[in-house]
Amino acid sequence: MSVKVKDKDRGYRKLMHELAGGEITLGIIDKAELPHPSSDLTIGELAAIHELGIGVPERSWLRSWIDGNRAYIESSSAQAWQQIATGKLSRKDALDRLGRDWANQIQENILQGNIIPPLAASTVASKGHSVPLIDTMTLIEAIDYELKLKNIKSIRDAGVREVVRRNQRR
């Protein structure tokens, strides 16, 4: 007696492709090389000077948001992957939403004055406000995100074999 088994792909390969992953880069991306309107520096150079405190007090606008929002980043990422796995969103759409949301939150963090240390009293008096990094709005408007989607060549690339091995040990 012979038995013939036919394996039909009912969307598994497509799902593995969607779950292959991606990378979101946050920061000053497209406008990094543009000149800053009120200095001889580029927008990227000025952003790095403030982020790292090069010659001025460190006013981290990127690392501080990431460090202070790790739980939110993890939970929103998990929700995005769940939407991808259930077919509610494509990988690109889900990661686009995350990138846009996180970039917007970084911008809001600056606008709300959550950047430390606060401006010196003499600086506040000369500028007429106490919110760091908002004078020209150039930095805030330059904050963006970029996606890099990973492609898989085979199911092995998606790490499926390891998942199967772990499940077989149970």
N, C-alpha and C. Protein backbone atom coordinates (compact mmCIF):
# COMPACT_ATOMS: atom_id res chain seq x y z
N MET A 1 0.83 -1.17 0.00
CA MET A 1 0.00 0.00 0.00
C MET A 1 0.89 1.25 0.00
N SER A 2 0.59 2.19 -0.83
CA SER A 2 1.38 3.41 -0.87
C SER A 2 0.48 4.59 -0.50
N VAL A 3 1.11 5.54 0.12
CA VAL A 3 0.39 6.74 0.53
C VAL A 3 1.06 7.93 -0.16
N LYS A 4 0.24 8.76 -0.72
CA LYS A 4 0.75 9.95 -1.38
C LYS A 4 0.30 11.18 -0.58
N VAL A 5 1.27 12.02 -0.23
CA VAL A 5 0.98 13.22 0.53
C VAL A 5 1.26 14.43 -0.36
N LYS A 6 0.30 15.29 -0.43
CA LYS A 6 0.48 16.52 -1.20
C LYS A 6 0.39 17.71 -0.24
N ASP A 7 1.42 18.52 -0.25
CA ASP A 7 1.50 19.68 0.63
C ASP A 7 1.02 20.90 -0.14
N LYS A 8 -0.07 21.49 0.32
CA LYS A 8 -0.59 22.70 -0.31
C LYS A 8 -0.24 23.90 0.55
N ASP A 9 0.28 24.90 -0.11
CA ASP A 9 0.59 26.14 0.59
C ASP A 9 -0.66 27.01 0.59
N ARG A 10 -1.20 27.22 1.78
CA ARG A 10 -2.42 28.03 1.90
C ARG A 10 -2.09 29.40 2.49
N GLY A 11 -1.00 29.96 2.04
CA GLY A 11 -0.63 31.28 2.49
C GLY A 11 0.53 31.31 3.47
N TYR A 12 1.09 30.14 3.80
CA TYR A 12 2.17 30.07 4.77
C TYR A 12 3.40 30.83 4.28
N ARG A 13 3.80 30.63 3.04
CA ARG A 13 4.98 31.31 2.50
C ARG A 13 4.79 32.82 2.52
N LYS A 14 3.60 33.28 2.15
CA LYS A 14 3.33 34.72 2.15
C LYS A 14 3.42 35.26 3.58
N LEU A 15 2.86 34.53 4.54
CA LEU A 15 2.92 34.95 5.93
C LEU A 15 4.37 35.01 6.41
N MET A 16 5.17 34.01 6.08
CA MET A 16 6.58 34.02 6.49
C MET A 16 7.32 35.20 5.86
N HIS A 17 6.96 35.53 4.64
CA HIS A 17 7.57 36.70 4.00
C HIS A 17 7.18 37.97 4.75
N GLU A 18 5.92 38.09 5.12
CA GLU A 18 5.45 39.27 5.84
C GLU A 18 6.11 39.38 7.22
N LEU A 19 6.39 38.24 7.85
CA LEU A 19 6.98 38.26 9.18
C LEU A 19 8.50 38.33 9.14
N ALA A 20 9.07 38.46 7.94
CA ALA A 20 10.53 38.44 7.80
C ALA A 20 11.20 39.59 8.53
N GLY A 21 10.49 40.66 8.75
CA GLY A 21 11.05 41.73 9.55
C GLY A 21 11.35 42.97 8.76
N GLY A 22 11.87 43.90 9.47
CA GLY A 22 12.22 45.17 8.89
C GLY A 22 12.94 46.01 9.92
N GLU A 23 13.40 47.15 9.49
CA GLU A 23 14.15 48.03 10.35
C GLU A 23 13.61 49.45 10.19
N ILE A 24 13.39 50.11 11.31
CA ILE A 24 12.94 51.50 11.30
C ILE A 24 14.09 52.35 11.82
N THR A 25 14.51 53.31 11.04
CA THR A 25 15.55 54.26 11.45
C THR A 25 14.86 55.58 11.77
N LEU A 26 15.12 56.10 12.96
CA LEU A 26 14.54 57.38 13.38
C LEU A 26 15.62 58.43 13.46
N GLY A 27 15.28 59.66 13.16
CA GLY A 27 16.24 60.75 13.31
C GLY A 27 16.12 61.77 12.21
N ILE A 28 17.25 62.40 11.91
CA ILE A 28 17.32 63.37 10.82
C ILE A 28 17.85 62.58 9.63
N ILE A 29 17.01 62.33 8.64
CA ILE A 29 17.39 61.42 7.56
C ILE A 29 17.54 62.18 6.25
N ASP A 30 16.45 62.56 5.64
CA ASP A 30 16.50 63.21 4.32
C ASP A 30 17.08 64.61 4.36
N LYS A 31 16.93 65.31 5.46
CA LYS A 31 17.34 66.71 5.54
C LYS A 31 18.67 66.90 6.26
N ALA A 32 19.38 65.83 6.56
CA ALA A 32 20.61 65.92 7.34
C ALA A 32 21.67 66.80 6.69
N GLU A 33 21.76 66.79 5.39
CA GLU A 33 22.80 67.55 4.69
C GLU A 33 22.38 68.97 4.32
N LEU A 34 21.14 69.32 4.57
CA LEU A 34 20.67 70.67 4.24
C LEU A 34 21.24 71.68 5.22
N PRO A 35 21.50 72.90 4.76
CA PRO A 35 22.03 73.91 5.68
C PRO A 35 20.96 74.35 6.68
N HIS A 36 21.40 74.56 7.92
CA HIS A 36 20.50 75.10 8.94
C HIS A 36 20.34 76.59 8.67
N PRO A 37 19.13 77.13 8.76
CA PRO A 37 18.90 78.53 8.37
C PRO A 37 19.58 79.58 9.25
N SER A 38 19.95 79.22 10.47
CA SER A 38 20.52 80.25 11.35
C SER A 38 21.96 79.92 11.78
N SER A 39 22.65 79.06 10.99
CA SER A 39 24.06 78.78 11.31
C SER A 39 24.79 78.32 10.05
N ASP A 40 26.07 78.11 10.19
CA ASP A 40 26.88 77.61 9.07
C ASP A 40 26.90 76.08 9.04
N LEU A 41 26.17 75.45 9.92
CA LEU A 41 26.15 73.99 10.02
C LEU A 41 24.98 73.41 9.22
N THR A 42 25.06 72.10 8.98
CA THR A 42 23.92 71.42 8.38
C THR A 42 22.93 71.08 9.50
N ILE A 43 21.73 70.73 9.11
CA ILE A 43 20.72 70.34 10.10
C ILE A 43 21.20 69.10 10.87
N GLY A 44 21.80 68.16 10.17
CA GLY A 44 22.30 66.94 10.81
C GLY A 44 23.41 67.24 11.81
N GLU A 45 24.33 68.15 11.45
CA GLU A 45 25.41 68.50 12.37
C GLU A 45 24.86 69.17 13.63
N LEU A 46 23.93 70.08 13.46
CA LEU A 46 23.36 70.77 14.61
C LEU A 46 22.56 69.80 15.50
N ALA A 47 21.85 68.89 14.87
CA ALA A 47 21.11 67.88 15.63
C ALA A 47 22.06 67.01 16.45
N ALA A 48 23.18 66.61 15.86
CA ALA A 48 24.16 65.78 16.57
C ALA A 48 24.82 66.55 17.71
N ILE A 49 25.11 67.83 17.48
CA ILE A 49 25.71 68.66 18.53
C ILE A 49 24.81 68.69 19.76
N HIS A 50 23.52 68.90 19.56
CA HIS A 50 22.59 68.94 20.70
C HIS A 50 22.37 67.55 21.30
N GLU A 51 22.24 66.55 20.45
CA GLU A 51 22.01 65.18 20.93
C GLU A 51 23.16 64.71 21.81
N LEU A 52 24.38 65.01 21.40
CA LEU A 52 25.58 64.49 22.09
C LEU A 52 26.23 65.50 23.03
N GLY A 53 25.79 66.75 22.98
CA GLY A 53 26.36 67.76 23.86
C GLY A 53 27.78 68.14 23.46
N ILE A 54 28.01 68.37 22.19
CA ILE A 54 29.35 68.73 21.70
C ILE A 54 29.50 70.24 21.78
N GLY A 55 30.18 70.71 22.81
CA GLY A 55 30.40 72.14 22.98
C GLY A 55 29.23 72.90 23.56
N VAL A 56 28.12 72.24 23.79
CA VAL A 56 26.93 72.83 24.40
C VAL A 56 26.38 71.80 25.39
N PRO A 57 25.49 72.20 26.30
CA PRO A 57 24.88 71.20 27.18
C PRO A 57 24.14 70.14 26.35
N GLU A 58 24.32 68.89 26.73
CA GLU A 58 23.64 67.80 26.01
C GLU A 58 22.13 67.93 26.18
N ARG A 59 21.44 68.01 25.07
CA ARG A 59 19.98 68.05 25.08
C ARG A 59 19.49 66.95 24.14
N SER A 60 19.53 65.75 24.65
CA SER A 60 19.17 64.58 23.85
C SER A 60 17.69 64.63 23.49
N TRP A 61 17.41 64.65 22.22
CA TRP A 61 16.04 64.66 21.73
C TRP A 61 15.64 63.29 21.19
N LEU A 62 16.62 62.44 20.84
CA LEU A 62 16.34 61.13 20.28
C LEU A 62 16.55 60.03 21.31
N ARG A 63 17.76 59.91 21.85
CA ARG A 63 18.05 58.86 22.82
C ARG A 63 17.18 58.96 24.06
N SER A 64 16.94 60.19 24.52
CA SER A 64 16.12 60.35 25.73
C SER A 64 14.69 59.87 25.49
N TRP A 65 14.14 60.13 24.27
CA TRP A 65 12.79 59.65 23.98
C TRP A 65 12.77 58.12 23.93
N ILE A 66 13.76 57.53 23.28
CA ILE A 66 13.82 56.07 23.18
C ILE A 66 13.97 55.46 24.58
N ASP A 67 14.90 55.97 25.36
CA ASP A 67 15.11 55.44 26.72
C ASP A 67 13.87 55.57 27.59
N GLY A 68 13.15 56.66 27.46
CA GLY A 68 11.97 56.89 28.28
C GLY A 68 10.71 56.20 27.79
N ASN A 69 10.78 55.60 26.61
CA ASN A 69 9.58 55.00 26.02
C ASN A 69 9.78 53.55 25.59
N ARG A 70 10.72 52.86 26.22
CA ARG A 70 11.00 51.47 25.82
C ARG A 70 9.77 50.57 25.92
N ALA A 71 9.00 50.70 26.99
CA ALA A 71 7.80 49.86 27.14
C ALA A 71 6.81 50.14 26.02
N TYR A 72 6.62 51.41 25.70
CA TYR A 72 5.69 51.77 24.61
C TYR A 72 6.20 51.25 23.27
N ILE A 73 7.49 51.38 23.03
CA ILE A 73 8.08 50.89 21.78
C ILE A 73 7.85 49.39 21.65
N GLU A 74 8.08 48.66 22.73
CA GLU A 74 7.89 47.20 22.71
C GLU A 74 6.42 46.83 22.51
N SER A 75 5.52 47.50 23.22
CA SER A 75 4.10 47.13 23.09
C SER A 75 3.54 47.52 21.72
N SER A 76 3.93 48.68 21.21
CA SER A 76 3.43 49.07 19.89
C SER A 76 4.02 48.17 18.80
N SER A 77 5.26 47.73 18.98
CA SER A 77 5.86 46.78 18.04
C SER A 77 5.12 45.44 18.07
N ALA A 78 4.82 44.97 19.26
CA ALA A 78 4.10 43.70 19.38
C ALA A 78 2.72 43.79 18.73
N GLN A 79 2.03 44.91 18.92
CA GLN A 79 0.72 45.10 18.28
C GLN A 79 0.85 45.11 16.76
N ALA A 80 1.91 45.75 16.26
CA ALA A 80 2.11 45.80 14.81
C ALA A 80 2.35 44.40 14.26
N TRP A 81 3.19 43.61 14.92
CA TRP A 81 3.46 42.25 14.43
C TRP A 81 2.22 41.38 14.51
N GLN A 82 1.38 41.61 15.51
CA GLN A 82 0.12 40.87 15.60
C GLN A 82 -0.79 41.22 14.42
N GLN A 83 -0.84 42.49 14.06
CA GLN A 83 -1.65 42.90 12.91
C GLN A 83 -1.11 42.31 11.61
N ILE A 84 0.19 42.19 11.51
CA ILE A 84 0.80 41.58 10.33
C ILE A 84 0.45 40.09 10.29
N ALA A 85 0.64 39.41 11.42
CA ALA A 85 0.41 37.95 11.48
C ALA A 85 -1.04 37.58 11.21
N THR A 86 -1.96 38.45 11.60
CA THR A 86 -3.39 38.15 11.38
C THR A 86 -3.88 38.68 10.03
N GLY A 87 -2.99 39.31 9.27
CA GLY A 87 -3.36 39.78 7.94
C GLY A 87 -4.11 41.10 7.91
N LYS A 88 -4.19 41.79 9.04
CA LYS A 88 -4.91 43.07 9.08
C LYS A 88 -4.12 44.19 8.41
N LEU A 89 -2.79 44.09 8.47
CA LEU A 89 -1.92 45.07 7.84
C LEU A 89 -0.76 44.37 7.15
N SER A 90 -0.27 44.95 6.07
CA SER A 90 0.95 44.43 5.47
C SER A 90 2.12 44.85 6.34
N ARG A 91 3.23 44.19 6.16
CA ARG A 91 4.43 44.53 6.93
C ARG A 91 4.81 45.99 6.68
N LYS A 92 4.80 46.41 5.44
CA LYS A 92 5.16 47.79 5.11
C LYS A 92 4.22 48.79 5.78
N ASP A 93 2.91 48.53 5.71
CA ASP A 93 1.95 49.45 6.32
C ASP A 93 2.12 49.51 7.84
N ALA A 94 2.32 48.36 8.47
CA ALA A 94 2.46 48.33 9.92
C ALA A 94 3.73 49.06 10.36
N LEU A 95 4.84 48.82 9.67
CA LEU A 95 6.09 49.49 10.04
C LEU A 95 6.05 50.97 9.70
N ASP A 96 5.36 51.33 8.62
CA ASP A 96 5.16 52.75 8.30
C ASP A 96 4.42 53.46 9.44
N ARG A 97 3.39 52.81 9.94
CA ARG A 97 2.62 53.40 11.05
C ARG A 97 3.50 53.59 12.28
N LEU A 98 4.32 52.56 12.59
CA LEU A 98 5.21 52.68 13.75
C LEU A 98 6.19 53.83 13.57
N GLY A 99 6.84 53.87 12.42
CA GLY A 99 7.83 54.92 12.17
C GLY A 99 7.23 56.31 12.25
N ARG A 100 6.08 56.48 11.64
CA ARG A 100 5.40 57.79 11.64
C ARG A 100 5.00 58.16 13.07
N ASP A 101 4.45 57.21 13.82
CA ASP A 101 4.02 57.45 15.20
C ASP A 101 5.21 57.84 16.07
N TRP A 102 6.29 57.07 15.99
CA TRP A 102 7.45 57.35 16.83
C TRP A 102 8.08 58.69 16.48
N ALA A 103 8.22 59.00 15.19
CA ALA A 103 8.78 60.30 14.78
C ALA A 103 7.91 61.44 15.30
N ASN A 104 6.59 61.29 15.19
CA ASN A 104 5.67 62.32 15.70
C ASN A 104 5.81 62.49 17.21
N GLN A 105 5.99 61.39 17.92
CA GLN A 105 6.13 61.49 19.38
C GLN A 105 7.42 62.18 19.77
N ILE A 106 8.49 61.96 19.02
CA ILE A 106 9.75 62.65 19.29
C ILE A 106 9.57 64.15 19.08
N GLN A 107 8.89 64.51 18.01
CA GLN A 107 8.62 65.93 17.75
C GLN A 107 7.79 66.54 18.88
N GLU A 108 6.75 65.84 19.30
CA GLU A 108 5.90 66.33 20.40
C GLU A 108 6.68 66.47 21.69
N ASN A 109 7.58 65.54 21.94
CA ASN A 109 8.39 65.59 23.15
C ASN A 109 9.21 66.88 23.20
N ILE A 110 9.74 67.29 22.07
CA ILE A 110 10.49 68.55 22.01
C ILE A 110 9.54 69.72 22.21
N LEU A 111 8.43 69.74 21.48
CA LEU A 111 7.48 70.86 21.55
C LEU A 111 6.90 71.05 22.95
N GLN A 112 6.75 69.95 23.69
CA GLN A 112 6.21 70.04 25.05
C GLN A 112 7.25 70.48 26.07
N GLY A 113 8.48 70.69 25.61
CA GLY A 113 9.52 71.17 26.51
C GLY A 113 10.09 70.10 27.41
N ASN A 114 10.06 68.86 26.97
CA ASN A 114 10.55 67.76 27.80
C ASN A 114 12.04 67.48 27.63
N ILE A 115 12.76 68.38 27.01
CA ILE A 115 14.20 68.21 26.80
C ILE A 115 14.94 68.83 27.97
N ILE A 116 15.88 68.08 28.52
CA ILE A 116 16.67 68.59 29.64
C ILE A 116 18.13 68.68 29.22
N PRO A 117 18.92 69.53 29.82
CA PRO A 117 18.56 70.47 30.88
C PRO A 117 17.78 71.66 30.34
N PRO A 118 17.07 72.34 31.22
CA PRO A 118 16.33 73.53 30.77
C PRO A 118 17.30 74.63 30.34
N LEU A 119 16.79 75.56 29.59
CA LEU A 119 17.61 76.70 29.15
C LEU A 119 17.99 77.55 30.37
N ALA A 120 19.13 78.18 30.27
CA ALA A 120 19.58 79.09 31.34
C ALA A 120 18.64 80.29 31.39
N ALA A 121 18.54 80.89 32.54
CA ALA A 121 17.66 82.06 32.72
C ALA A 121 18.01 83.18 31.75
N SER A 122 19.29 83.39 31.50
CA SER A 122 19.70 84.44 30.56
C SER A 122 19.26 84.09 29.14
N THR A 123 19.27 82.82 28.77
CA THR A 123 18.83 82.38 27.44
C THR A 123 17.32 82.57 27.31
N VAL A 124 16.59 82.21 28.35
CA VAL A 124 15.13 82.39 28.34
C VAL A 124 14.79 83.87 28.17
N ALA A 125 15.52 84.73 28.87
CA ALA A 125 15.27 86.17 28.77
C ALA A 125 15.54 86.69 27.36
N SER A 126 16.59 86.20 26.73
CA SER A 126 16.92 86.69 25.38
C SER A 126 16.01 86.10 24.30
N LYS A 127 15.55 84.85 24.49
CA LYS A 127 14.71 84.20 23.48
C LYS A 127 13.23 84.48 23.68
N GLY A 128 12.85 84.73 24.91
CA GLY A 128 11.45 84.98 25.20
C GLY A 128 10.63 83.71 25.40
N HIS A 129 11.30 82.57 25.50
CA HIS A 129 10.62 81.29 25.79
C HIS A 129 11.60 80.36 26.49
N SER A 130 11.08 79.27 27.05
CA SER A 130 11.93 78.36 27.82
C SER A 130 12.04 76.96 27.22
N VAL A 131 11.63 76.80 25.97
CA VAL A 131 11.64 75.47 25.36
C VAL A 131 12.88 75.30 24.48
N PRO A 132 13.78 74.37 24.84
CA PRO A 132 14.97 74.15 24.03
C PRO A 132 14.63 73.56 22.65
N LEU A 133 15.46 73.87 21.68
CA LEU A 133 15.45 73.26 20.34
C LEU A 133 14.28 73.65 19.44
N ILE A 134 13.60 74.77 19.72
CA ILE A 134 12.45 75.12 18.87
C ILE A 134 12.58 76.44 18.14
N ASP A 135 13.71 77.12 18.25
CA ASP A 135 13.83 78.48 17.71
C ASP A 135 13.39 78.60 16.25
N THR A 136 13.90 77.78 15.37
CA THR A 136 13.54 77.88 13.95
C THR A 136 12.58 76.78 13.52
N MET A 137 12.33 75.82 14.39
CA MET A 137 11.49 74.64 14.10
C MET A 137 12.13 73.72 13.05
N THR A 138 13.33 74.04 12.63
CA THR A 138 14.01 73.27 11.58
C THR A 138 14.30 71.85 12.05
N LEU A 139 14.81 71.70 13.27
CA LEU A 139 15.11 70.38 13.80
C LEU A 139 13.84 69.53 13.88
N ILE A 140 12.80 70.09 14.45
CA ILE A 140 11.55 69.34 14.61
C ILE A 140 11.00 68.91 13.26
N GLU A 141 11.00 69.80 12.29
CA GLU A 141 10.47 69.47 10.97
C GLU A 141 11.33 68.46 10.22
N ALA A 142 12.61 68.34 10.61
CA ALA A 142 13.51 67.40 9.94
C ALA A 142 13.45 65.99 10.52
N ILE A 143 12.85 65.82 11.68
CA ILE A 143 12.77 64.49 12.31
C ILE A 143 11.85 63.61 11.49
N ASP A 144 12.35 62.44 11.13
CA ASP A 144 11.62 61.55 10.23
C ASP A 144 12.01 60.11 10.52
N TYR A 145 11.55 59.21 9.69
CA TYR A 145 11.89 57.79 9.81
C TYR A 145 12.13 57.23 8.43
N GLU A 146 12.79 56.09 8.41
CA GLU A 146 13.07 55.38 7.17
C GLU A 146 12.86 53.89 7.41
N LEU A 147 12.27 53.21 6.44
CA LEU A 147 12.05 51.77 6.54
C LEU A 147 13.01 51.02 5.66
N LYS A 148 13.46 49.87 6.17
CA LYS A 148 14.20 48.91 5.36
C LYS A 148 13.53 47.57 5.61
N LEU A 149 12.87 47.06 4.60
CA LEU A 149 12.18 45.78 4.74
C LEU A 149 13.12 44.65 4.38
N LYS A 150 13.11 43.60 5.18
CA LYS A 150 13.94 42.43 4.90
C LYS A 150 13.16 41.50 4.00
N ASN A 151 13.87 40.88 3.09
CA ASN A 151 13.25 39.88 2.22
C ASN A 151 13.81 38.52 2.56
N ILE A 152 12.98 37.50 2.45
CA ILE A 152 13.46 36.15 2.69
C ILE A 152 13.55 35.42 1.36
N LYS A 153 14.54 34.54 1.28
CA LYS A 153 14.71 33.74 0.07
C LYS A 153 14.09 32.37 0.26
N SER A 154 14.01 31.95 1.51
CA SER A 154 13.43 30.64 1.80
C SER A 154 12.82 30.68 3.19
N ILE A 155 12.06 29.68 3.49
CA ILE A 155 11.45 29.60 4.82
C ILE A 155 12.53 29.50 5.88
N ARG A 156 13.65 28.87 5.57
CA ARG A 156 14.75 28.77 6.53
C ARG A 156 15.23 30.17 6.93
N ASP A 157 15.25 31.11 5.99
CA ASP A 157 15.67 32.47 6.29
C ASP A 157 14.77 33.13 7.33
N ALA A 158 13.54 32.72 7.40
CA ALA A 158 12.60 33.33 8.34
C ALA A 158 12.71 32.73 9.73
N GLY A 159 13.61 31.77 9.92
CA GLY A 159 13.81 31.18 11.24
C GLY A 159 12.78 30.12 11.58
N VAL A 160 12.10 29.60 10.58
CA VAL A 160 11.03 28.65 10.83
C VAL A 160 11.58 27.33 11.37
N ARG A 161 12.72 26.89 10.87
CA ARG A 161 13.28 25.61 11.34
C ARG A 161 13.52 25.62 12.83
N GLU A 162 14.04 26.72 13.35
CA GLU A 162 14.30 26.81 14.78
C GLU A 162 13.00 26.76 15.57
N VAL A 163 11.97 27.40 15.09
CA VAL A 163 10.67 27.36 15.76
C VAL A 163 10.13 25.94 15.77
N VAL A 164 10.24 25.25 14.65
CA VAL A 164 9.78 23.86 14.57
C VAL A 164 10.56 22.99 15.53
N ARG A 165 11.90 23.14 15.59
CA ARG A 165 12.73 22.36 16.50
C ARG A 165 12.31 22.59 17.95
N ARG A 166 12.09 23.85 18.32
CA ARG A 166 11.69 24.15 19.70
C ARG A 166 10.35 23.51 20.02
N ASN A 167 9.43 23.54 19.09
CA ASN A 167 8.11 22.95 19.33
C ASN A 167 8.18 21.42 19.40
N GLN A 168 9.10 20.80 18.68
CA GLN A 168 9.24 19.35 18.73
C GLN A 168 9.79 18.87 20.04
N ARG A 169 10.59 19.72 20.71
CA ARG A 169 11.18 19.33 22.00
C ARG A 169 10.16 19.31 23.12
N ARG A 170 9.06 19.97 22.94
CA ARG A 170 8.05 20.07 24.02
C ARG A 170 7.32 18.81 24.24
